[in-house]
Amino acid sequence: MGEAVIVVALLLVAVSATAAVAVRDPVRQSLVLAVLGVVLAVLFTVLQAPDVALSQLAVGSALTPLLLLLTVRKVKRRGRRRRENEP
């Protein structure tokens, strides 16, 4: 039973990591990255590493995608400003 849960968690990690690489849109990619962080936290919990799982949950599924979304937003704003200022 325990090995089956580990195999399922590893498969979920593989699928979500592949999806994170395959998605081209930065906004969607950051959302898939957040899902990957949650799945990794589940894997760490299954592997009996709750401290690592909590760290992964905080950083990998919340902080990193948030910073990526804010960065994409800032870059898009700069692009709009430059287009407006061009003759």
PDB file of N, CA and C in Angstrom:
ATOM      1  N   MET A   1       0.822  -1.204   0.000  1.00  0.00           N
ATOM      2  CA  MET A   1       0.000   0.000   0.000  1.00  0.00           C
ATOM      3  C   MET A   1       0.863   1.263   0.000  1.00  0.00           C
ATOM      4  N   GLY A   2       1.880   1.279   0.845  1.00  0.00           N
ATOM      5  CA  GLY A   2       2.739   2.453   0.953  1.00  0.00           C
ATOM      6  C   GLY A   2       3.517   2.723  -0.317  1.00  0.00           C
ATOM      7  N   GLU A   3       3.987   1.642  -0.960  1.00  0.00           N
ATOM      8  CA  GLU A   3       4.743   1.807  -2.192  1.00  0.00           C
ATOM      9  C   GLU A   3       3.860   2.318  -3.324  1.00  0.00           C
ATOM     10  N   ALA A   4       2.603   1.919  -3.322  1.00  0.00           N
ATOM     11  CA  ALA A   4       1.680   2.379  -4.360  1.00  0.00           C
ATOM     12  C   ALA A   4       1.441   3.881  -4.246  1.00  0.00           C
ATOM     13  N   VAL A   5       1.341   4.375  -3.027  1.00  0.00           N
ATOM     14  CA  VAL A   5       1.136   5.812  -2.818  1.00  0.00           C
ATOM     15  C   VAL A   5       2.361   6.590  -3.293  1.00  0.00           C
ATOM     16  N   ILE A   6       3.532   6.064  -3.031  1.00  0.00           N
ATOM     17  CA  ILE A   6       4.765   6.714  -3.477  1.00  0.00           C
ATOM     18  C   ILE A   6       4.835   6.738  -5.004  1.00  0.00           C
ATOM     19  N   VAL A   7       4.468   5.637  -5.637  1.00  0.00           N
ATOM     20  CA  VAL A   7       4.498   5.570  -7.100  1.00  0.00           C
ATOM     21  C   VAL A   7       3.500   6.566  -7.698  1.00  0.00           C
ATOM     22  N   VAL A   8       2.308   6.664  -7.124  1.00  0.00           N
ATOM     23  CA  VAL A   8       1.310   7.613  -7.613  1.00  0.00           C
ATOM     24  C   VAL A   8       1.813   9.038  -7.448  1.00  0.00           C
ATOM     25  N   ALA A   9       2.421   9.346  -6.300  1.00  0.00           N
ATOM     26  CA  ALA A   9       2.947  10.689  -6.068  1.00  0.00           C
ATOM     27  C   ALA A   9       4.067  11.011  -7.055  1.00  0.00           C
ATOM     28  N   LEU A  10       4.930  10.054  -7.325  1.00  0.00           N
ATOM     29  CA  LEU A  10       6.003  10.269  -8.301  1.00  0.00           C
ATOM     30  C   LEU A  10       5.458  10.482  -9.707  1.00  0.00           C
ATOM     31  N   LEU A  11       4.425   9.738 -10.063  1.00  0.00           N
ATOM     32  CA  LEU A  11       3.800   9.935 -11.375  1.00  0.00           C
ATOM     33  C   LEU A  11       3.171  11.321 -11.483  1.00  0.00           C
ATOM     34  N   LEU A  12       2.533  11.776 -10.403  1.00  0.00           N
ATOM     35  CA  LEU A  12       1.953  13.125 -10.414  1.00  0.00           C
ATOM     36  C   LEU A  12       3.027  14.190 -10.557  1.00  0.00           C
ATOM     37  N   VAL A  13       4.155  13.980  -9.895  1.00  0.00           N
ATOM     38  CA  VAL A  13       5.277  14.921 -10.025  1.00  0.00           C
ATOM     39  C   VAL A  13       5.783  14.938 -11.464  1.00  0.00           C
ATOM     40  N   ALA A  14       5.919  13.760 -12.068  1.00  0.00           N
ATOM     41  CA  ALA A  14       6.406  13.692 -13.441  1.00  0.00           C
ATOM     42  C   ALA A  14       5.445  14.385 -14.407  1.00  0.00           C
ATOM     43  N   VAL A  15       4.154  14.173 -14.228  1.00  0.00           N
ATOM     44  CA  VAL A  15       3.164  14.784 -15.118  1.00  0.00           C
ATOM     45  C   VAL A  15       3.140  16.297 -14.951  1.00  0.00           C
ATOM     46  N   SER A  16       3.139  16.762 -13.708  1.00  0.00           N
ATOM     47  CA  SER A  16       3.066  18.211 -13.495  1.00  0.00           C
ATOM     48  C   SER A  16       4.369  18.908 -13.904  1.00  0.00           C
ATOM     49  N   ALA A  17       5.509  18.266 -13.728  1.00  0.00           N
ATOM     50  CA  ALA A  17       6.776  18.856 -14.175  1.00  0.00           C
ATOM     51  C   ALA A  17       6.830  18.931 -15.696  1.00  0.00           C
ATOM     52  N   THR A  18       6.334  17.895 -16.362  1.00  0.00           N
ATOM     53  CA  THR A  18       6.280  17.913 -17.816  1.00  0.00           C
ATOM     54  C   THR A  18       5.340  19.008 -18.312  1.00  0.00           C
ATOM     55  N   ALA A  19       4.223  19.166 -17.633  1.00  0.00           N
ATOM     56  CA  ALA A  19       3.278  20.225 -18.008  1.00  0.00           C
ATOM     57  C   ALA A  19       3.899  21.602 -17.810  1.00  0.00           C
ATOM     58  N   ALA A  20       4.678  21.771 -16.746  1.00  0.00           N
ATOM     59  CA  ALA A  20       5.313  23.067 -16.489  1.00  0.00           C
ATOM     60  C   ALA A  20       6.304  23.422 -17.590  1.00  0.00           C
ATOM     61  N   VAL A  21       6.964  22.417 -18.135  1.00  0.00           N
ATOM     62  CA  VAL A  21       7.922  22.660 -19.207  1.00  0.00           C
ATOM     63  C   VAL A  21       7.209  22.863 -20.542  1.00  0.00           C
ATOM     64  N   ALA A  22       6.104  22.156 -20.747  1.00  0.00           N
ATOM     65  CA  ALA A  22       5.413  22.186 -22.034  1.00  0.00           C
ATOM     66  C   ALA A  22       4.596  23.461 -22.256  1.00  0.00           C
ATOM     67  N   VAL A  23       4.113  24.070 -21.188  1.00  0.00           N
ATOM     68  CA  VAL A  23       3.279  25.263 -21.320  1.00  0.00           C
ATOM     69  C   VAL A  23       4.157  26.445 -21.721  1.00  0.00           C
ATOM     70  N   ARG A  24       3.684  27.228 -22.687  1.00  0.00           N
ATOM     71  CA  ARG A  24       4.484  28.340 -23.210  1.00  0.00           C
ATOM     72  C   ARG A  24       4.114  29.692 -22.604  1.00  0.00           C
ATOM     73  N   ASP A  25       2.870  29.874 -22.226  1.00  0.00           N
ATOM     74  CA  ASP A  25       2.419  31.146 -21.676  1.00  0.00           C
ATOM     75  C   ASP A  25       2.970  31.310 -20.254  1.00  0.00           C
ATOM     76  N   PRO A  26       3.679  32.406 -19.959  1.00  0.00           N
ATOM     77  CA  PRO A  26       4.289  32.567 -18.635  1.00  0.00           C
ATOM     78  C   PRO A  26       3.282  32.571 -17.485  1.00  0.00           C
ATOM     79  N   VAL A  27       2.098  33.109 -17.704  1.00  0.00           N
ATOM     80  CA  VAL A  27       1.103  33.139 -16.629  1.00  0.00           C
ATOM     81  C   VAL A  27       0.635  31.726 -16.322  1.00  0.00           C
ATOM     82  N   ARG A  28       0.297  30.999 -17.361  1.00  0.00           N
ATOM     83  CA  ARG A  28      -0.132  29.609 -17.148  1.00  0.00           C
ATOM     84  C   ARG A  28       1.000  28.760 -16.599  1.00  0.00           C
ATOM     85  N   GLN A  29       2.205  29.045 -17.032  1.00  0.00           N
ATOM     86  CA  GLN A  29       3.357  28.290 -16.559  1.00  0.00           C
ATOM     87  C   GLN A  29       3.569  28.493 -15.056  1.00  0.00           C
ATOM     88  N   SER A  30       3.359  29.694 -14.577  1.00  0.00           N
ATOM     89  CA  SER A  30       3.513  29.929 -13.145  1.00  0.00           C
ATOM     90  C   SER A  30       2.406  29.233 -12.349  1.00  0.00           C
ATOM     91  N   LEU A  31       1.215  29.144 -12.929  1.00  0.00           N
ATOM     92  CA  LEU A  31       0.144  28.417 -12.247  1.00  0.00           C
ATOM     93  C   LEU A  31       0.427  26.916 -12.207  1.00  0.00           C
ATOM     94  N   VAL A  32       0.956  26.386 -13.293  1.00  0.00           N
ATOM     95  CA  VAL A  32       1.336  24.972 -13.305  1.00  0.00           C
ATOM     96  C   VAL A  32       2.490  24.739 -12.333  1.00  0.00           C
ATOM     97  N   LEU A  33       3.377  25.701 -12.211  1.00  0.00           N
ATOM     98  CA  LEU A  33       4.471  25.600 -11.249  1.00  0.00           C
ATOM     99  C   LEU A  33       3.944  25.552  -9.816  1.00  0.00           C
ATOM    100  N   ALA A  34       2.875  26.292  -9.551  1.00  0.00           N
ATOM    101  CA  ALA A  34       2.252  26.237  -8.235  1.00  0.00           C
ATOM    102  C   ALA A  34       1.670  24.850  -7.964  1.00  0.00           C
ATOM    103  N   VAL A  35       1.053  24.275  -8.974  1.00  0.00           N
ATOM    104  CA  VAL A  35       0.520  22.907  -8.830  1.00  0.00           C
ATOM    105  C   VAL A  35       1.661  21.926  -8.598  1.00  0.00           C
ATOM    106  N   LEU A  36       2.750  22.100  -9.313  1.00  0.00           N
ATOM    107  CA  LEU A  36       3.923  21.248  -9.113  1.00  0.00           C
ATOM    108  C   LEU A  36       4.441  21.364  -7.687  1.00  0.00           C
ATOM    109  N   GLY A  37       4.440  22.567  -7.139  1.00  0.00           N
ATOM    110  CA  GLY A  37       4.880  22.749  -5.750  1.00  0.00           C
ATOM    111  C   GLY A  37       3.995  22.003  -4.767  1.00  0.00           C
ATOM    112  N   VAL A  38       2.691  22.025  -4.998  1.00  0.00           N
ATOM    113  CA  VAL A  38       1.766  21.289  -4.118  1.00  0.00           C
ATOM    114  C   VAL A  38       1.995  19.789  -4.238  1.00  0.00           C
ATOM    115  N   VAL A  39       2.173  19.313  -5.467  1.00  0.00           N
ATOM    116  CA  VAL A  39       2.390  17.877  -5.679  1.00  0.00           C
ATOM    117  C   VAL A  39       3.704  17.436  -5.037  1.00  0.00           C
ATOM    118  N   LEU A  40       4.726  18.267  -5.142  1.00  0.00           N
ATOM    119  CA  LEU A  40       5.993  17.945  -4.477  1.00  0.00           C
ATOM    120  C   LEU A  40       5.838  17.926  -2.957  1.00  0.00           C
ATOM    121  N   ALA A  41       5.037  18.834  -2.433  1.00  0.00           N
ATOM    122  CA  ALA A  41       4.786  18.834  -0.990  1.00  0.00           C
ATOM    123  C   ALA A  41       4.077  17.548  -0.571  1.00  0.00           C
ATOM    124  N   VAL A  42       3.160  17.085  -1.402  1.00  0.00           N
ATOM    125  CA  VAL A  42       2.494  15.805  -1.112  1.00  0.00           C
ATOM    126  C   VAL A  42       3.501  14.666  -1.156  1.00  0.00           C
ATOM    127  N   LEU A  43       4.379  14.673  -2.144  1.00  0.00           N
ATOM    128  CA  LEU A  43       5.404  13.633  -2.232  1.00  0.00           C
ATOM    129  C   LEU A  43       6.294  13.628  -0.997  1.00  0.00           C
ATOM    130  N   PHE A  44       6.721  14.805  -0.558  1.00  0.00           N
ATOM    131  CA  PHE A  44       7.566  14.868   0.632  1.00  0.00           C
ATOM    132  C   PHE A  44       6.825  14.394   1.876  1.00  0.00           C
ATOM    133  N   THR A  45       5.531  14.663   1.932  1.00  0.00           N
ATOM    134  CA  THR A  45       4.741  14.186   3.057  1.00  0.00           C
ATOM    135  C   THR A  45       4.649  12.664   3.028  1.00  0.00           C
ATOM    136  N   VAL A  46       4.443  12.104   1.854  1.00  0.00           N
ATOM    137  CA  VAL A  46       4.373  10.643   1.717  1.00  0.00           C
ATOM    138  C   VAL A  46       5.707  10.014   2.087  1.00  0.00           C
ATOM    139  N   LEU A  47       6.778  10.688   1.769  1.00  0.00           N
ATOM    140  CA  LEU A  47       8.114  10.179   2.104  1.00  0.00           C
ATOM    141  C   LEU A  47       8.517  10.499   3.542  1.00  0.00           C
ATOM    142  N   GLN A  48       7.577  10.973   4.340  1.00  0.00           N
ATOM    143  CA  GLN A  48       7.751  11.256   5.769  1.00  0.00           C
ATOM    144  C   GLN A  48       8.802  12.336   6.026  1.00  0.00           C
ATOM    145  N   ALA A  49       8.698  13.413   5.267  1.00  0.00           N
ATOM    146  CA  ALA A  49       9.544  14.582   5.481  1.00  0.00           C
ATOM    147  C   ALA A  49       8.644  15.811   5.593  1.00  0.00           C
ATOM    148  N   PRO A  50       7.907  15.944   6.707  1.00  0.00           N
ATOM    149  CA  PRO A  50       6.929  17.028   6.807  1.00  0.00           C
ATOM    150  C   PRO A  50       7.551  18.422   6.854  1.00  0.00           C
ATOM    151  N   ASP A  51       8.751  18.544   7.404  1.00  0.00           N
ATOM    152  CA  ASP A  51       9.385  19.859   7.440  1.00  0.00           C
ATOM    153  C   ASP A  51       9.750  20.344   6.041  1.00  0.00           C
ATOM    154  N   VAL A  52      10.249  19.428   5.218  1.00  0.00           N
ATOM    155  CA  VAL A  52      10.564  19.775   3.836  1.00  0.00           C
ATOM    156  C   VAL A  52       9.281  20.057   3.063  1.00  0.00           C
ATOM    157  N   ALA A  53       8.219  19.305   3.368  1.00  0.00           N
ATOM    158  CA  ALA A  53       6.934  19.510   2.692  1.00  0.00           C
ATOM    159  C   ALA A  53       6.373  20.895   3.001  1.00  0.00           C
ATOM    160  N   LEU A  54       6.476  21.331   4.244  1.00  0.00           N
ATOM    161  CA  LEU A  54       5.988  22.665   4.599  1.00  0.00           C
ATOM    162  C   LEU A  54       6.797  23.761   3.916  1.00  0.00           C
ATOM    163  N   SER A  55       8.095  23.574   3.853  1.00  0.00           N
ATOM    164  CA  SER A  55       8.935  24.548   3.154  1.00  0.00           C
ATOM    165  C   SER A  55       8.596  24.600   1.671  1.00  0.00           C
ATOM    166  N   GLN A  56       8.405  23.433   1.080  1.00  0.00           N
ATOM    167  CA  GLN A  56       8.042  23.372  -0.333  1.00  0.00           C
ATOM    168  C   GLN A  56       6.687  24.005  -0.579  1.00  0.00           C
ATOM    169  N   LEU A  57       5.769  23.784   0.318  1.00  0.00           N
ATOM    170  CA  LEU A  57       4.436  24.357   0.180  1.00  0.00           C
ATOM    171  C   LEU A  57       4.494  25.882   0.227  1.00  0.00           C
ATOM    172  N   ALA A  58       5.302  26.417   1.124  1.00  0.00           N
ATOM    173  CA  ALA A  58       5.395  27.871   1.257  1.00  0.00           C
ATOM    174  C   ALA A  58       6.146  28.506   0.088  1.00  0.00           C
ATOM    175  N   VAL A  59       7.275  27.941  -0.248  1.00  0.00           N
ATOM    176  CA  VAL A  59       8.128  28.556  -1.266  1.00  0.00           C
ATOM    177  C   VAL A  59       7.738  28.113  -2.677  1.00  0.00           C
ATOM    178  N   GLY A  60       7.610  26.812  -2.877  1.00  0.00           N
ATOM    179  CA  GLY A  60       7.396  26.281  -4.215  1.00  0.00           C
ATOM    180  C   GLY A  60       6.010  26.490  -4.773  1.00  0.00           C
ATOM    181  N   SER A  61       5.008  26.529  -3.894  1.00  0.00           N
ATOM    182  CA  SER A  61       3.654  26.646  -4.425  1.00  0.00           C
ATOM    183  C   SER A  61       3.021  28.001  -4.154  1.00  0.00           C
ATOM    184  N   ALA A  62       3.663  28.844  -3.381  1.00  0.00           N
ATOM    185  CA  ALA A  62       3.080  30.154  -3.097  1.00  0.00           C
ATOM    186  C   ALA A  62       4.010  31.300  -3.507  1.00  0.00           C
ATOM    187  N   LEU A  63       5.186  31.324  -2.967  1.00  0.00           N
ATOM    188  CA  LEU A  63       6.069  32.474  -3.155  1.00  0.00           C
ATOM    189  C   LEU A  63       6.640  32.574  -4.573  1.00  0.00           C
ATOM    190  N   THR A  64       7.189  31.491  -5.085  1.00  0.00           N
ATOM    191  CA  THR A  64       7.802  31.526  -6.413  1.00  0.00           C
ATOM    192  C   THR A  64       6.797  31.846  -7.523  1.00  0.00           C
ATOM    193  N   PRO A  65       5.633  31.173  -7.571  1.00  0.00           N
ATOM    194  CA  PRO A  65       4.667  31.558  -8.616  1.00  0.00           C
ATOM    195  C   PRO A  65       4.169  32.994  -8.474  1.00  0.00           C
ATOM    196  N   LEU A  66       4.022  33.467  -7.244  1.00  0.00           N
ATOM    197  CA  LEU A  66       3.596  34.849  -7.038  1.00  0.00           C
ATOM    198  C   LEU A  66       4.633  35.819  -7.585  1.00  0.00           C
ATOM    199  N   LEU A  67       5.894  35.575  -7.321  1.00  0.00           N
ATOM    200  CA  LEU A  67       6.951  36.442  -7.846  1.00  0.00           C
ATOM    201  C   LEU A  67       7.005  36.395  -9.374  1.00  0.00           C
ATOM    202  N   LEU A  68       6.794  35.218  -9.948  1.00  0.00           N
ATOM    203  CA  LEU A  68       6.766  35.119 -11.403  1.00  0.00           C
ATOM    204  C   LEU A  68       5.587  35.884 -11.996  1.00  0.00           C
ATOM    205  N   LEU A  69       4.417  35.779 -11.383  1.00  0.00           N
ATOM    206  CA  LEU A  69       3.255  36.510 -11.879  1.00  0.00           C
ATOM    207  C   LEU A  69       3.465  38.021 -11.791  1.00  0.00           C
ATOM    208  N   LEU A  70       4.045  38.478 -10.698  1.00  0.00           N
ATOM    209  CA  LEU A  70       4.321  39.909 -10.561  1.00  0.00           C
ATOM    210  C   LEU A  70       5.344  40.380 -11.592  1.00  0.00           C
ATOM    211  N   THR A  71       6.323  39.558 -11.877  1.00  0.00           N
ATOM    212  CA  THR A  71       7.333  39.912 -12.867  1.00  0.00           C
ATOM    213  C   THR A  71       6.728  39.994 -14.263  1.00  0.00           C
ATOM    214  N   VAL A  72       5.895  39.024 -14.607  1.00  0.00           N
ATOM    215  CA  VAL A  72       5.242  39.039 -15.920  1.00  0.00           C
ATOM    216  C   VAL A  72       4.360  40.272 -16.055  1.00  0.00           C
ATOM    217  N   ARG A  73       3.654  40.620 -14.997  1.00  0.00           N
ATOM    218  CA  ARG A  73       2.797  41.801 -15.018  1.00  0.00           C
ATOM    219  C   ARG A  73       3.608  43.073 -15.251  1.00  0.00           C
ATOM    220  N   LYS A  74       4.742  43.173 -14.564  1.00  0.00           N
ATOM    221  CA  LYS A  74       5.594  44.355 -14.704  1.00  0.00           C
ATOM    222  C   LYS A  74       6.166  44.451 -16.122  1.00  0.00           C
ATOM    223  N   VAL A  75       6.588  43.343 -16.686  1.00  0.00           N
ATOM    224  CA  VAL A  75       7.150  43.341 -18.034  1.00  0.00           C
ATOM    225  C   VAL A  75       6.084  43.730 -19.054  1.00  0.00           C
ATOM    226  N   LYS A  76       4.864  43.228 -18.896  1.00  0.00           N
ATOM    227  CA  LYS A  76       3.791  43.587 -19.819  1.00  0.00           C
ATOM    228  C   LYS A  76       3.461  45.069 -19.737  1.00  0.00           C
ATOM    229  N   ARG A  77       3.485  45.639 -18.535  1.00  0.00           N
ATOM    230  CA  ARG A  77       3.225  47.072 -18.383  1.00  0.00           C
ATOM    231  C   ARG A  77       4.289  47.900 -19.090  1.00  0.00           C
ATOM    232  N   ARG A  78       5.551  47.504 -18.944  1.00  0.00           N
ATOM    233  CA  ARG A  78       6.630  48.237 -19.605  1.00  0.00           C
ATOM    234  C   ARG A  78       6.489  48.171 -21.115  1.00  0.00           C
ATOM    235  N   GLY A  79       6.078  47.015 -21.621  1.00  0.00           N
ATOM    236  CA  GLY A  79       5.881  46.874 -23.070  1.00  0.00           C
ATOM    237  C   GLY A  79       4.778  47.784 -23.573  1.00  0.00           C
ATOM    238  N   ARG A  80       3.694  47.909 -22.796  1.00  0.00           N
ATOM    239  CA  ARG A  80       2.596  48.800 -23.192  1.00  0.00           C
ATOM    240  C   ARG A  80       3.049  50.251 -23.186  1.00  0.00           C
ATOM    241  N   ARG A  81       3.805  50.640 -22.183  1.00  0.00           N
ATOM    242  CA  ARG A  81       4.286  52.025 -22.085  1.00  0.00           C
ATOM    243  C   ARG A  81       5.183  52.362 -23.269  1.00  0.00           C
ATOM    244  N   ARG A  82       6.060  51.439 -23.629  1.00  0.00           N
ATOM    245  CA  ARG A  82       6.964  51.697 -24.747  1.00  0.00           C
ATOM    246  C   ARG A  82       6.194  51.840 -26.049  1.00  0.00           C
ATOM    247  N   ARG A  83       5.164  51.006 -26.223  1.00  0.00           N
ATOM    248  CA  ARG A  83       4.366  51.101 -27.455  1.00  0.00           C
ATOM    249  C   ARG A  83       3.591  52.400 -27.500  1.00  0.00           C
ATOM    250  N   GLU A  84       3.126  52.887 -26.359  1.00  0.00           N
ATOM    251  CA  GLU A  84       2.394  54.154 -26.315  1.00  0.00           C
ATOM    252  C   GLU A  84       3.297  55.358 -26.599  1.00  0.00           C
ATOM    253  N   ASN A  85       4.554  55.268 -26.197  1.00  0.00           N
ATOM    254  CA  ASN A  85       5.478  56.382 -26.381  1.00  0.00           C
ATOM    255  C   ASN A  85       6.148  56.408 -27.748  1.00  0.00           C
ATOM    256  N   GLU A  86       6.006  55.358 -28.528  1.00  0.00           N
ATOM    257  CA  GLU A  86       6.611  55.340 -29.856  1.00  0.00           C
ATOM    258  C   GLU A  86       5.800  56.219 -30.801  1.00  0.00           C
ATOM    259  N   PRO A  87       6.508  56.889 -31.728  1.00  0.00           N
ATOM    260  CA  PRO A  87       5.794  57.764 -32.679  1.00  0.00           C
ATOM    261  C   PRO A  87       5.058  57.008 -33.741  1.00  0.00           C
TER     262      PRO A  87
END
